[in-house]
N, C-alpha and C. Protein backbone atom coordinates (compact mmCIF):
# COMPACT_ATOMS: atom_id res chain seq x y z
N UNK A 1 40.80 82.53 40.89
CA UNK A 1 41.63 81.46 40.38
C UNK A 1 42.88 82.07 39.78
N UNK A 2 44.04 81.73 40.33
CA UNK A 2 45.32 82.22 39.83
C UNK A 2 46.02 81.10 39.08
N UNK A 3 46.13 81.27 37.78
CA UNK A 3 46.76 80.25 36.95
C UNK A 3 48.23 80.59 36.72
N UNK A 4 49.08 79.58 36.85
CA UNK A 4 50.49 79.73 36.55
C UNK A 4 50.90 78.66 35.55
N UNK A 5 51.92 78.98 34.76
CA UNK A 5 52.40 78.04 33.76
C UNK A 5 53.06 76.85 34.44
N UNK A 6 52.60 75.66 34.07
CA UNK A 6 53.17 74.42 34.59
C UNK A 6 54.20 73.87 33.61
N UNK A 7 53.82 73.79 32.34
CA UNK A 7 54.73 73.28 31.31
C UNK A 7 54.29 73.75 29.93
N UNK A 8 55.23 73.82 29.02
CA UNK A 8 54.92 74.15 27.64
C UNK A 8 54.82 72.85 26.85
N UNK A 9 53.67 72.65 26.20
CA UNK A 9 53.43 71.43 25.41
C UNK A 9 53.95 71.56 23.99
N UNK A 10 53.67 72.69 23.37
CA UNK A 10 54.03 72.90 21.97
C UNK A 10 54.64 74.29 21.82
N UNK A 11 55.65 74.38 20.97
CA UNK A 11 56.19 75.69 20.60
C UNK A 11 55.75 75.98 19.16
N UNK A 12 56.23 77.10 18.61
CA UNK A 12 55.77 77.47 17.27
C UNK A 12 56.12 76.42 16.22
N UNK A 13 57.29 75.80 16.32
CA UNK A 13 57.69 74.79 15.33
C UNK A 13 56.82 73.53 15.43
N UNK A 14 56.50 73.09 16.64
CA UNK A 14 55.68 71.88 16.78
C UNK A 14 54.23 72.15 16.40
N UNK A 15 53.75 73.36 16.64
CA UNK A 15 52.41 73.72 16.17
C UNK A 15 52.38 73.68 14.64
N UNK A 16 53.38 74.26 14.02
CA UNK A 16 53.47 74.29 12.55
C UNK A 16 53.50 72.86 11.98
N UNK A 17 54.33 72.00 12.57
CA UNK A 17 54.41 70.61 12.09
C UNK A 17 53.09 69.87 12.31
N UNK A 18 52.46 70.09 13.44
CA UNK A 18 51.18 69.42 13.73
C UNK A 18 50.11 69.82 12.73
N UNK A 19 50.04 71.10 12.40
CA UNK A 19 49.03 71.57 11.45
C UNK A 19 49.33 71.09 10.04
N UNK A 20 50.60 70.99 9.70
CA UNK A 20 50.97 70.45 8.39
C UNK A 20 50.55 68.99 8.29
N UNK A 21 50.80 68.23 9.35
CA UNK A 21 50.39 66.81 9.37
C UNK A 21 48.88 66.68 9.26
N UNK A 22 48.15 67.50 10.02
CA UNK A 22 46.69 67.47 9.96
C UNK A 22 46.21 67.78 8.55
N UNK A 23 46.80 68.77 7.90
CA UNK A 23 46.42 69.15 6.53
C UNK A 23 46.59 67.96 5.58
N UNK A 24 47.73 67.27 5.69
CA UNK A 24 47.97 66.11 4.83
C UNK A 24 46.98 64.98 5.14
N UNK A 25 46.68 64.76 6.42
CA UNK A 25 45.74 63.71 6.80
C UNK A 25 44.34 64.00 6.26
N UNK A 26 43.93 65.27 6.31
CA UNK A 26 42.61 65.65 5.80
C UNK A 26 42.51 65.33 4.31
N UNK A 27 43.52 65.74 3.55
CA UNK A 27 43.50 65.50 2.10
C UNK A 27 43.55 64.01 1.80
N UNK A 28 44.37 63.27 2.53
CA UNK A 28 44.48 61.83 2.30
C UNK A 28 43.18 61.12 2.62
N UNK A 29 42.61 61.40 3.79
CA UNK A 29 41.37 60.72 4.19
C UNK A 29 40.21 61.01 3.24
N UNK A 30 40.18 62.23 2.72
CA UNK A 30 39.07 62.64 1.84
C UNK A 30 39.39 62.51 0.36
N UNK A 31 40.54 61.90 0.06
CA UNK A 31 40.96 61.66 -1.32
C UNK A 31 40.94 62.93 -2.16
N UNK A 32 41.51 63.98 -1.59
CA UNK A 32 41.57 65.26 -2.28
C UNK A 32 40.79 66.32 -1.52
N UNK A 33 40.49 67.42 -2.22
CA UNK A 33 39.84 68.55 -1.57
C UNK A 33 38.45 68.86 -2.14
N UNK A 34 37.97 68.03 -3.06
CA UNK A 34 36.64 68.27 -3.63
C UNK A 34 35.59 68.25 -2.53
N UNK A 35 34.75 69.26 -2.54
CA UNK A 35 33.62 69.37 -1.60
C UNK A 35 34.03 69.47 -0.14
N UNK A 36 35.26 69.91 0.14
CA UNK A 36 35.69 70.15 1.52
C UNK A 36 35.43 71.60 1.90
N UNK A 37 35.03 71.80 3.15
CA UNK A 37 34.89 73.14 3.72
C UNK A 37 35.47 73.08 5.13
N UNK A 38 36.39 73.98 5.44
CA UNK A 38 36.93 74.10 6.79
C UNK A 38 36.10 75.13 7.54
N UNK A 39 35.68 74.80 8.77
CA UNK A 39 34.89 75.72 9.57
C UNK A 39 35.54 75.81 10.95
N UNK A 40 36.06 77.01 11.26
CA UNK A 40 36.71 77.22 12.54
C UNK A 40 35.74 77.74 13.59
N UNK A 41 35.84 77.19 14.79
CA UNK A 41 35.03 77.65 15.91
C UNK A 41 35.71 78.87 16.51
N UNK A 42 34.95 79.94 16.68
CA UNK A 42 35.52 81.17 17.24
C UNK A 42 36.14 80.88 18.59
N UNK A 43 37.29 81.37 18.90
CA UNK A 43 38.14 82.30 18.18
C UNK A 43 39.35 81.60 17.57
N UNK A 44 40.04 80.82 18.35
CA UNK A 44 41.28 80.23 17.87
C UNK A 44 41.08 79.15 16.82
N UNK A 45 39.93 78.52 16.81
CA UNK A 45 39.64 77.53 15.78
C UNK A 45 39.64 78.14 14.39
N UNK A 46 39.26 79.41 14.29
CA UNK A 46 39.27 80.12 13.01
C UNK A 46 40.70 80.27 12.51
N UNK A 47 41.60 80.69 13.40
CA UNK A 47 42.99 80.88 13.01
C UNK A 47 43.63 79.55 12.60
N UNK A 48 43.30 78.50 13.33
CA UNK A 48 43.84 77.18 13.00
C UNK A 48 43.30 76.71 11.65
N UNK A 49 42.00 76.92 11.40
CA UNK A 49 41.41 76.53 10.11
C UNK A 49 42.08 77.27 8.95
N UNK A 50 42.36 78.54 9.12
CA UNK A 50 43.02 79.31 8.06
C UNK A 50 44.44 78.80 7.83
N UNK A 51 45.13 78.42 8.88
CA UNK A 51 46.48 77.87 8.72
C UNK A 51 46.44 76.53 8.00
N UNK A 52 45.45 75.71 8.33
CA UNK A 52 45.30 74.42 7.64
C UNK A 52 44.99 74.67 6.16
N UNK A 53 44.13 75.64 5.88
CA UNK A 53 43.81 76.00 4.49
C UNK A 53 45.09 76.38 3.73
N UNK A 54 45.94 77.19 4.35
CA UNK A 54 47.19 77.61 3.70
C UNK A 54 48.10 76.42 3.43
N UNK A 55 48.17 75.49 4.36
CA UNK A 55 49.02 74.32 4.16
C UNK A 55 48.49 73.43 3.04
N UNK A 56 47.17 73.24 3.01
CA UNK A 56 46.59 72.43 1.93
C UNK A 56 46.87 73.10 0.58
N UNK A 57 46.73 74.42 0.52
CA UNK A 57 46.98 75.15 -0.73
C UNK A 57 48.42 75.02 -1.20
N UNK A 58 49.34 74.74 -0.27
CA UNK A 58 50.75 74.63 -0.64
C UNK A 58 51.07 73.33 -1.39
N UNK A 59 50.17 72.33 -1.28
CA UNK A 59 50.46 71.05 -1.96
C UNK A 59 49.29 70.52 -2.78
N UNK A 60 48.16 71.19 -2.80
CA UNK A 60 47.00 70.77 -3.58
C UNK A 60 46.51 71.94 -4.43
N UNK A 61 45.93 71.63 -5.57
CA UNK A 61 45.35 72.68 -6.41
C UNK A 61 43.98 73.07 -5.87
N UNK A 62 43.60 74.29 -6.15
CA UNK A 62 42.31 74.79 -5.68
C UNK A 62 42.42 75.28 -4.26
N UNK A 63 41.37 75.97 -3.83
CA UNK A 63 41.36 76.50 -2.48
C UNK A 63 40.18 75.94 -1.71
N UNK A 64 40.44 75.45 -0.52
CA UNK A 64 39.39 74.95 0.35
C UNK A 64 38.78 76.16 1.07
N UNK A 65 37.46 76.36 0.96
CA UNK A 65 36.84 77.50 1.64
C UNK A 65 36.93 77.35 3.16
N UNK A 66 37.01 78.50 3.84
CA UNK A 66 37.05 78.54 5.30
C UNK A 66 35.90 79.40 5.79
N UNK A 67 35.16 78.87 6.76
CA UNK A 67 34.10 79.63 7.39
C UNK A 67 34.35 79.77 8.87
N UNK A 68 33.60 80.67 9.49
CA UNK A 68 33.70 80.87 10.94
C UNK A 68 32.37 80.55 11.59
N UNK A 69 32.45 80.00 12.78
CA UNK A 69 31.24 79.57 13.48
C UNK A 69 31.26 80.13 14.90
N UNK A 70 30.22 80.89 15.23
CA UNK A 70 30.04 81.39 16.58
C UNK A 70 28.96 80.52 17.23
N UNK A 71 29.33 79.82 18.29
CA UNK A 71 28.41 78.86 18.91
C UNK A 71 27.75 79.42 20.17
N UNK A 72 27.89 80.71 20.42
CA UNK A 72 27.41 81.32 21.66
C UNK A 72 25.98 80.91 22.01
N UNK A 73 25.07 81.02 21.06
CA UNK A 73 23.66 80.74 21.36
C UNK A 73 23.35 79.25 21.47
N UNK A 74 24.32 78.40 21.14
CA UNK A 74 24.10 76.95 21.16
C UNK A 74 24.70 76.29 22.40
N UNK A 75 25.36 77.08 23.23
CA UNK A 75 25.99 76.52 24.42
C UNK A 75 24.93 76.09 25.43
N UNK A 76 25.16 74.95 26.09
CA UNK A 76 24.23 74.54 27.14
C UNK A 76 24.61 75.15 28.48
N UNK A 77 25.72 75.90 28.51
CA UNK A 77 26.15 76.59 29.72
C UNK A 77 26.19 78.10 29.49
N UNK A 78 25.30 78.58 28.59
CA UNK A 78 25.26 79.99 28.20
C UNK A 78 25.10 80.88 29.42
N UNK A 79 25.99 81.83 29.53
CA UNK A 79 25.88 82.83 30.59
C UNK A 79 25.41 84.13 29.94
N UNK A 80 24.45 84.75 30.54
CA UNK A 80 23.92 86.01 30.04
C UNK A 80 24.77 87.15 30.58
N UNK A 81 25.16 88.05 29.69
CA UNK A 81 25.95 89.21 30.08
C UNK A 81 25.09 90.46 29.99
N UNK A 82 25.29 91.36 30.91
CA UNK A 82 24.54 92.62 30.88
C UNK A 82 25.25 93.60 29.96
N UNK A 83 24.48 94.20 29.05
CA UNK A 83 25.02 95.23 28.19
C UNK A 83 23.99 96.33 28.03
N UNK A 84 24.28 97.30 27.17
CA UNK A 84 23.39 98.45 27.02
C UNK A 84 21.97 98.07 26.61
N UNK A 85 21.82 96.99 25.86
CA UNK A 85 20.49 96.57 25.40
C UNK A 85 19.76 95.70 26.43
N UNK A 86 20.37 95.48 27.57
CA UNK A 86 19.77 94.64 28.59
C UNK A 86 20.54 93.33 28.71
N UNK A 87 19.96 92.37 29.39
CA UNK A 87 20.62 91.08 29.57
C UNK A 87 20.41 90.21 28.35
N UNK A 88 21.49 89.94 27.62
CA UNK A 88 21.43 89.08 26.45
C UNK A 88 22.83 88.58 26.13
N UNK A 89 22.91 87.45 25.48
CA UNK A 89 24.24 86.95 25.13
C UNK A 89 24.89 87.83 24.08
N UNK A 90 26.22 87.87 24.12
CA UNK A 90 26.98 88.62 23.13
C UNK A 90 27.36 87.65 22.02
N UNK A 91 26.84 87.90 20.82
CA UNK A 91 27.06 87.02 19.68
C UNK A 91 27.87 87.77 18.64
N UNK A 92 28.89 87.13 18.11
CA UNK A 92 29.76 87.76 17.12
C UNK A 92 29.41 87.33 15.70
N UNK A 93 28.59 86.33 15.54
CA UNK A 93 28.13 85.92 14.23
C UNK A 93 28.99 84.87 13.56
N UNK A 94 28.34 84.07 12.75
CA UNK A 94 29.01 83.06 11.94
C UNK A 94 29.11 83.58 10.52
N UNK A 95 30.12 83.13 9.81
CA UNK A 95 30.28 83.54 8.42
C UNK A 95 30.78 82.35 7.61
N UNK A 96 29.85 81.68 6.96
CA UNK A 96 30.21 80.59 6.07
C UNK A 96 29.66 80.98 4.71
N UNK A 97 30.56 81.37 3.83
CA UNK A 97 30.18 81.96 2.55
C UNK A 97 29.76 80.94 1.50
N UNK A 98 29.96 79.66 1.77
CA UNK A 98 29.58 78.62 0.81
C UNK A 98 28.47 77.77 1.41
N UNK A 99 27.69 77.16 0.53
CA UNK A 99 26.64 76.25 0.96
C UNK A 99 27.31 74.97 1.45
N UNK A 100 27.05 74.57 2.68
CA UNK A 100 27.68 73.36 3.23
C UNK A 100 26.86 72.10 2.97
N UNK A 101 25.69 72.26 2.36
CA UNK A 101 24.85 71.10 2.06
C UNK A 101 25.59 70.15 1.13
N UNK A 102 25.61 68.88 1.52
CA UNK A 102 26.27 67.80 0.78
C UNK A 102 27.78 67.97 0.66
N UNK A 103 28.37 68.76 1.53
CA UNK A 103 29.82 68.93 1.56
C UNK A 103 30.38 68.18 2.77
N UNK A 104 31.68 67.93 2.75
CA UNK A 104 32.37 67.40 3.92
C UNK A 104 32.92 68.60 4.69
N UNK A 105 32.40 68.81 5.87
CA UNK A 105 32.81 69.94 6.70
C UNK A 105 33.83 69.44 7.72
N UNK A 106 34.98 70.11 7.74
CA UNK A 106 35.99 69.84 8.75
C UNK A 106 35.83 70.92 9.81
N UNK A 107 35.28 70.55 10.95
CA UNK A 107 35.09 71.46 12.06
C UNK A 107 36.44 71.56 12.78
N UNK A 108 36.91 72.78 13.04
CA UNK A 108 38.26 72.98 13.59
C UNK A 108 38.17 73.76 14.89
N UNK A 109 38.86 73.23 15.93
CA UNK A 109 38.93 73.92 17.21
C UNK A 109 40.33 73.77 17.78
N UNK A 110 40.63 74.57 18.81
CA UNK A 110 41.97 74.51 19.40
C UNK A 110 42.11 73.35 20.38
N UNK A 111 41.18 73.22 21.32
CA UNK A 111 41.29 72.19 22.36
C UNK A 111 39.97 71.43 22.45
N UNK A 112 40.06 70.11 22.50
CA UNK A 112 38.90 69.26 22.77
C UNK A 112 38.98 68.80 24.20
N UNK A 113 37.93 69.08 24.96
CA UNK A 113 37.91 68.75 26.39
C UNK A 113 36.66 67.91 26.67
N UNK A 114 35.59 68.50 27.13
CA UNK A 114 34.39 67.74 27.49
C UNK A 114 33.58 67.31 26.28
N UNK A 115 33.71 68.04 25.18
CA UNK A 115 32.92 67.77 23.98
C UNK A 115 31.71 68.69 23.85
N UNK A 116 31.46 69.51 24.85
CA UNK A 116 30.28 70.38 24.83
C UNK A 116 30.38 71.48 23.76
N UNK A 117 31.57 72.01 23.54
CA UNK A 117 31.75 73.00 22.48
C UNK A 117 31.46 72.38 21.12
N UNK A 118 31.95 71.18 20.90
CA UNK A 118 31.73 70.50 19.62
C UNK A 118 30.24 70.19 19.45
N UNK A 119 29.57 69.76 20.50
CA UNK A 119 28.13 69.49 20.42
C UNK A 119 27.39 70.75 20.00
N UNK A 120 27.74 71.88 20.60
CA UNK A 120 27.11 73.15 20.24
C UNK A 120 27.41 73.51 18.78
N UNK A 121 28.65 73.26 18.35
CA UNK A 121 29.03 73.55 16.97
C UNK A 121 28.26 72.68 15.99
N UNK A 122 28.03 71.43 16.33
CA UNK A 122 27.25 70.54 15.46
C UNK A 122 25.83 71.07 15.29
N UNK A 123 25.22 71.51 16.40
CA UNK A 123 23.88 72.09 16.32
C UNK A 123 23.87 73.33 15.42
N UNK A 124 24.87 74.19 15.59
CA UNK A 124 24.95 75.41 14.79
C UNK A 124 25.13 75.08 13.30
N UNK A 125 25.98 74.11 12.99
CA UNK A 125 26.20 73.72 11.60
C UNK A 125 24.92 73.19 10.95
N UNK A 126 24.21 72.35 11.67
CA UNK A 126 22.98 71.75 11.13
C UNK A 126 21.92 72.82 10.88
N UNK A 127 21.94 73.90 11.67
CA UNK A 127 21.01 75.00 11.41
C UNK A 127 21.38 75.77 10.14
N UNK A 128 22.64 75.70 9.73
CA UNK A 128 23.11 76.41 8.54
C UNK A 128 22.86 75.59 7.27
N UNK A 129 23.03 74.29 7.36
CA UNK A 129 22.86 73.42 6.20
C UNK A 129 23.01 71.97 6.61
N UNK A 130 22.91 71.06 5.65
CA UNK A 130 23.03 69.64 5.96
C UNK A 130 24.25 69.06 5.24
N UNK A 131 25.39 69.05 5.95
CA UNK A 131 26.60 68.49 5.33
C UNK A 131 26.45 67.00 5.07
N UNK A 132 27.20 66.52 4.08
CA UNK A 132 27.27 65.08 3.80
C UNK A 132 27.96 64.40 4.98
N UNK A 133 28.99 65.06 5.51
CA UNK A 133 29.77 64.49 6.60
C UNK A 133 30.41 65.63 7.38
N UNK A 134 30.57 65.43 8.69
CA UNK A 134 31.29 66.38 9.53
C UNK A 134 32.44 65.64 10.18
N UNK A 135 33.64 66.18 10.02
CA UNK A 135 34.83 65.63 10.66
C UNK A 135 35.36 66.69 11.62
N UNK A 136 36.14 66.24 12.60
CA UNK A 136 36.64 67.15 13.64
C UNK A 136 38.16 67.14 13.67
N UNK A 137 38.75 68.34 13.61
CA UNK A 137 40.19 68.52 13.74
C UNK A 137 40.46 69.43 14.93
N UNK A 138 41.36 68.99 15.81
CA UNK A 138 41.73 69.79 16.98
C UNK A 138 43.25 69.82 17.11
N UNK A 139 43.75 70.92 17.63
CA UNK A 139 45.18 71.01 17.87
C UNK A 139 45.56 70.16 19.07
N UNK A 140 44.74 70.20 20.14
CA UNK A 140 45.04 69.45 21.36
C UNK A 140 43.79 68.70 21.82
N UNK A 141 43.94 67.42 22.10
CA UNK A 141 42.89 66.62 22.74
C UNK A 141 43.36 66.32 24.15
N UNK A 142 42.68 66.89 25.14
CA UNK A 142 43.11 66.74 26.53
C UNK A 142 42.30 65.71 27.33
N UNK A 143 41.34 65.05 26.67
CA UNK A 143 40.57 64.02 27.36
C UNK A 143 39.44 64.59 28.20
N UNK A 144 38.90 63.77 29.09
CA UNK A 144 37.82 64.14 30.03
C UNK A 144 36.48 64.37 29.34
N UNK A 145 36.18 63.59 28.33
CA UNK A 145 34.94 63.75 27.58
C UNK A 145 33.72 63.51 28.46
N UNK A 146 32.71 64.35 28.28
CA UNK A 146 31.40 64.17 28.91
C UNK A 146 30.38 63.71 27.88
N UNK A 147 30.73 63.82 26.61
CA UNK A 147 29.86 63.42 25.52
C UNK A 147 30.65 62.48 24.59
N UNK A 148 29.97 61.61 23.86
CA UNK A 148 30.68 60.65 23.00
C UNK A 148 31.17 61.29 21.70
N UNK A 149 32.20 62.11 21.83
CA UNK A 149 32.75 62.84 20.69
C UNK A 149 34.23 62.49 20.58
N UNK A 150 34.66 62.19 19.33
CA UNK A 150 36.05 61.80 19.09
C UNK A 150 36.56 62.57 17.88
N UNK A 151 37.76 63.15 17.98
CA UNK A 151 38.30 63.88 16.82
C UNK A 151 38.82 62.95 15.74
N UNK A 152 38.75 63.40 14.50
CA UNK A 152 39.30 62.66 13.37
C UNK A 152 40.78 63.00 13.17
N UNK A 153 41.16 64.22 13.54
CA UNK A 153 42.53 64.71 13.35
C UNK A 153 42.96 65.41 14.63
N UNK A 154 44.13 65.03 15.14
CA UNK A 154 44.62 65.58 16.41
C UNK A 154 46.08 65.98 16.25
N UNK A 155 46.40 67.20 16.67
CA UNK A 155 47.78 67.64 16.69
C UNK A 155 48.57 66.95 17.80
N UNK A 156 48.00 66.93 19.01
CA UNK A 156 48.66 66.31 20.14
C UNK A 156 47.62 65.84 21.15
N UNK A 157 47.75 64.59 21.59
CA UNK A 157 46.95 64.06 22.69
C UNK A 157 47.71 64.31 23.98
N UNK A 158 47.04 64.91 24.97
CA UNK A 158 47.70 65.26 26.22
C UNK A 158 46.82 64.86 27.40
N UNK A 159 47.26 63.89 28.20
CA UNK A 159 46.49 63.58 29.40
C UNK A 159 46.64 64.72 30.40
N UNK A 160 45.53 65.19 30.90
CA UNK A 160 45.54 66.29 31.87
C UNK A 160 44.66 65.94 33.05
N UNK A 161 44.83 66.69 34.12
CA UNK A 161 43.89 66.57 35.24
C UNK A 161 42.80 67.61 35.02
N UNK A 162 41.68 67.44 35.69
CA UNK A 162 40.58 68.40 35.54
C UNK A 162 40.96 69.77 36.10
N UNK A 163 41.92 69.82 37.00
CA UNK A 163 42.34 71.09 37.58
C UNK A 163 43.30 71.88 36.71
N UNK A 164 43.76 71.26 35.63
CA UNK A 164 44.68 71.96 34.73
C UNK A 164 43.91 72.62 33.61
N UNK A 165 44.52 73.62 33.00
CA UNK A 165 43.94 74.33 31.87
C UNK A 165 44.95 74.27 30.73
N UNK A 166 44.47 73.94 29.54
CA UNK A 166 45.33 73.97 28.36
C UNK A 166 45.11 75.32 27.69
N UNK A 167 46.17 76.11 27.62
CA UNK A 167 46.10 77.45 27.04
C UNK A 167 46.79 77.46 25.68
N UNK A 168 46.00 77.67 24.63
CA UNK A 168 46.55 77.77 23.29
C UNK A 168 46.73 79.25 22.98
N UNK A 169 47.94 79.60 22.62
CA UNK A 169 48.24 80.98 22.25
C UNK A 169 48.69 80.98 20.80
N UNK A 170 48.00 81.79 20.01
CA UNK A 170 48.32 81.88 18.58
C UNK A 170 48.68 83.32 18.25
N UNK A 171 49.61 83.48 17.32
CA UNK A 171 50.10 84.80 16.95
C UNK A 171 48.96 85.75 16.57
N UNK A 172 47.96 85.24 15.84
CA UNK A 172 46.86 86.09 15.37
C UNK A 172 46.05 86.69 16.53
N UNK A 173 45.94 85.98 17.64
CA UNK A 173 45.13 86.45 18.77
C UNK A 173 45.98 86.89 19.96
N UNK A 174 47.16 86.28 20.11
CA UNK A 174 47.94 86.47 21.34
C UNK A 174 49.37 86.98 21.11
N UNK A 175 49.76 87.11 19.85
CA UNK A 175 51.10 87.61 19.56
C UNK A 175 52.21 86.57 19.61
N UNK A 176 51.89 85.32 19.90
CA UNK A 176 52.89 84.24 19.95
C UNK A 176 52.20 82.91 19.73
N UNK A 177 53.00 81.92 19.31
CA UNK A 177 52.49 80.57 19.09
C UNK A 177 53.07 79.64 20.14
N UNK A 178 52.22 79.13 21.02
CA UNK A 178 52.61 78.08 21.96
C UNK A 178 51.38 77.55 22.66
N UNK A 179 51.54 76.33 23.19
CA UNK A 179 50.47 75.70 23.96
C UNK A 179 51.05 75.37 25.33
N UNK A 180 50.34 75.80 26.36
CA UNK A 180 50.80 75.64 27.74
C UNK A 180 49.81 74.83 28.55
N UNK A 181 50.32 74.13 29.56
CA UNK A 181 49.44 73.60 30.61
C UNK A 181 49.60 74.55 31.78
N UNK A 182 48.47 75.07 32.23
CA UNK A 182 48.44 75.99 33.37
C UNK A 182 47.78 75.26 34.54
N UNK A 183 48.16 75.63 35.76
CA UNK A 183 47.48 75.05 36.91
C UNK A 183 47.11 76.13 37.91
N UNK A 184 46.07 75.85 38.67
CA UNK A 184 45.56 76.78 39.67
C UNK A 184 46.42 76.67 40.91
N UNK A 185 46.91 77.82 41.37
CA UNK A 185 47.77 77.81 42.56
C UNK A 185 46.97 78.07 43.83
N UNK A 186 45.70 78.36 43.69
CA UNK A 186 44.86 78.62 44.89
C UNK A 186 44.50 77.33 45.60
């Protein structure tokens, strides 16, 4: 599969504005930051969650904790990779330093597509604790849901075809901030 850039959806300024808006919406909907925990889904969801945390800190007192969630073992499409220890999934681990029981958890990811990643993340969160509420924040919602999952906070809604790929590039992981629609030329 050879992917080529079709169009740029967001640049660094629009990503920044989208995350600032999401941060304000989170605080407004939850009437402040009490009992909030941001949890980013590995990999880019973590970077987005940290950016949202920084924005909230710029206009609210206190710090909203940020955790990381690795959903590898919860995927229903888990592919086994061969490594030195034999055939087993490669897991990077979750790190949520606060108890999420009775907290409002804002699950953060880069792109919402079929909903399967979010379903896996919900299972992983419930194994860690029992939040009072789970809300979903995504930078891009591209549609094509296979499960009844809807985000609470969206940076940009983008209708796409199933043959297109939404590529989120963030400075922390990719050296630049932009969101692209890529298409298969094969």
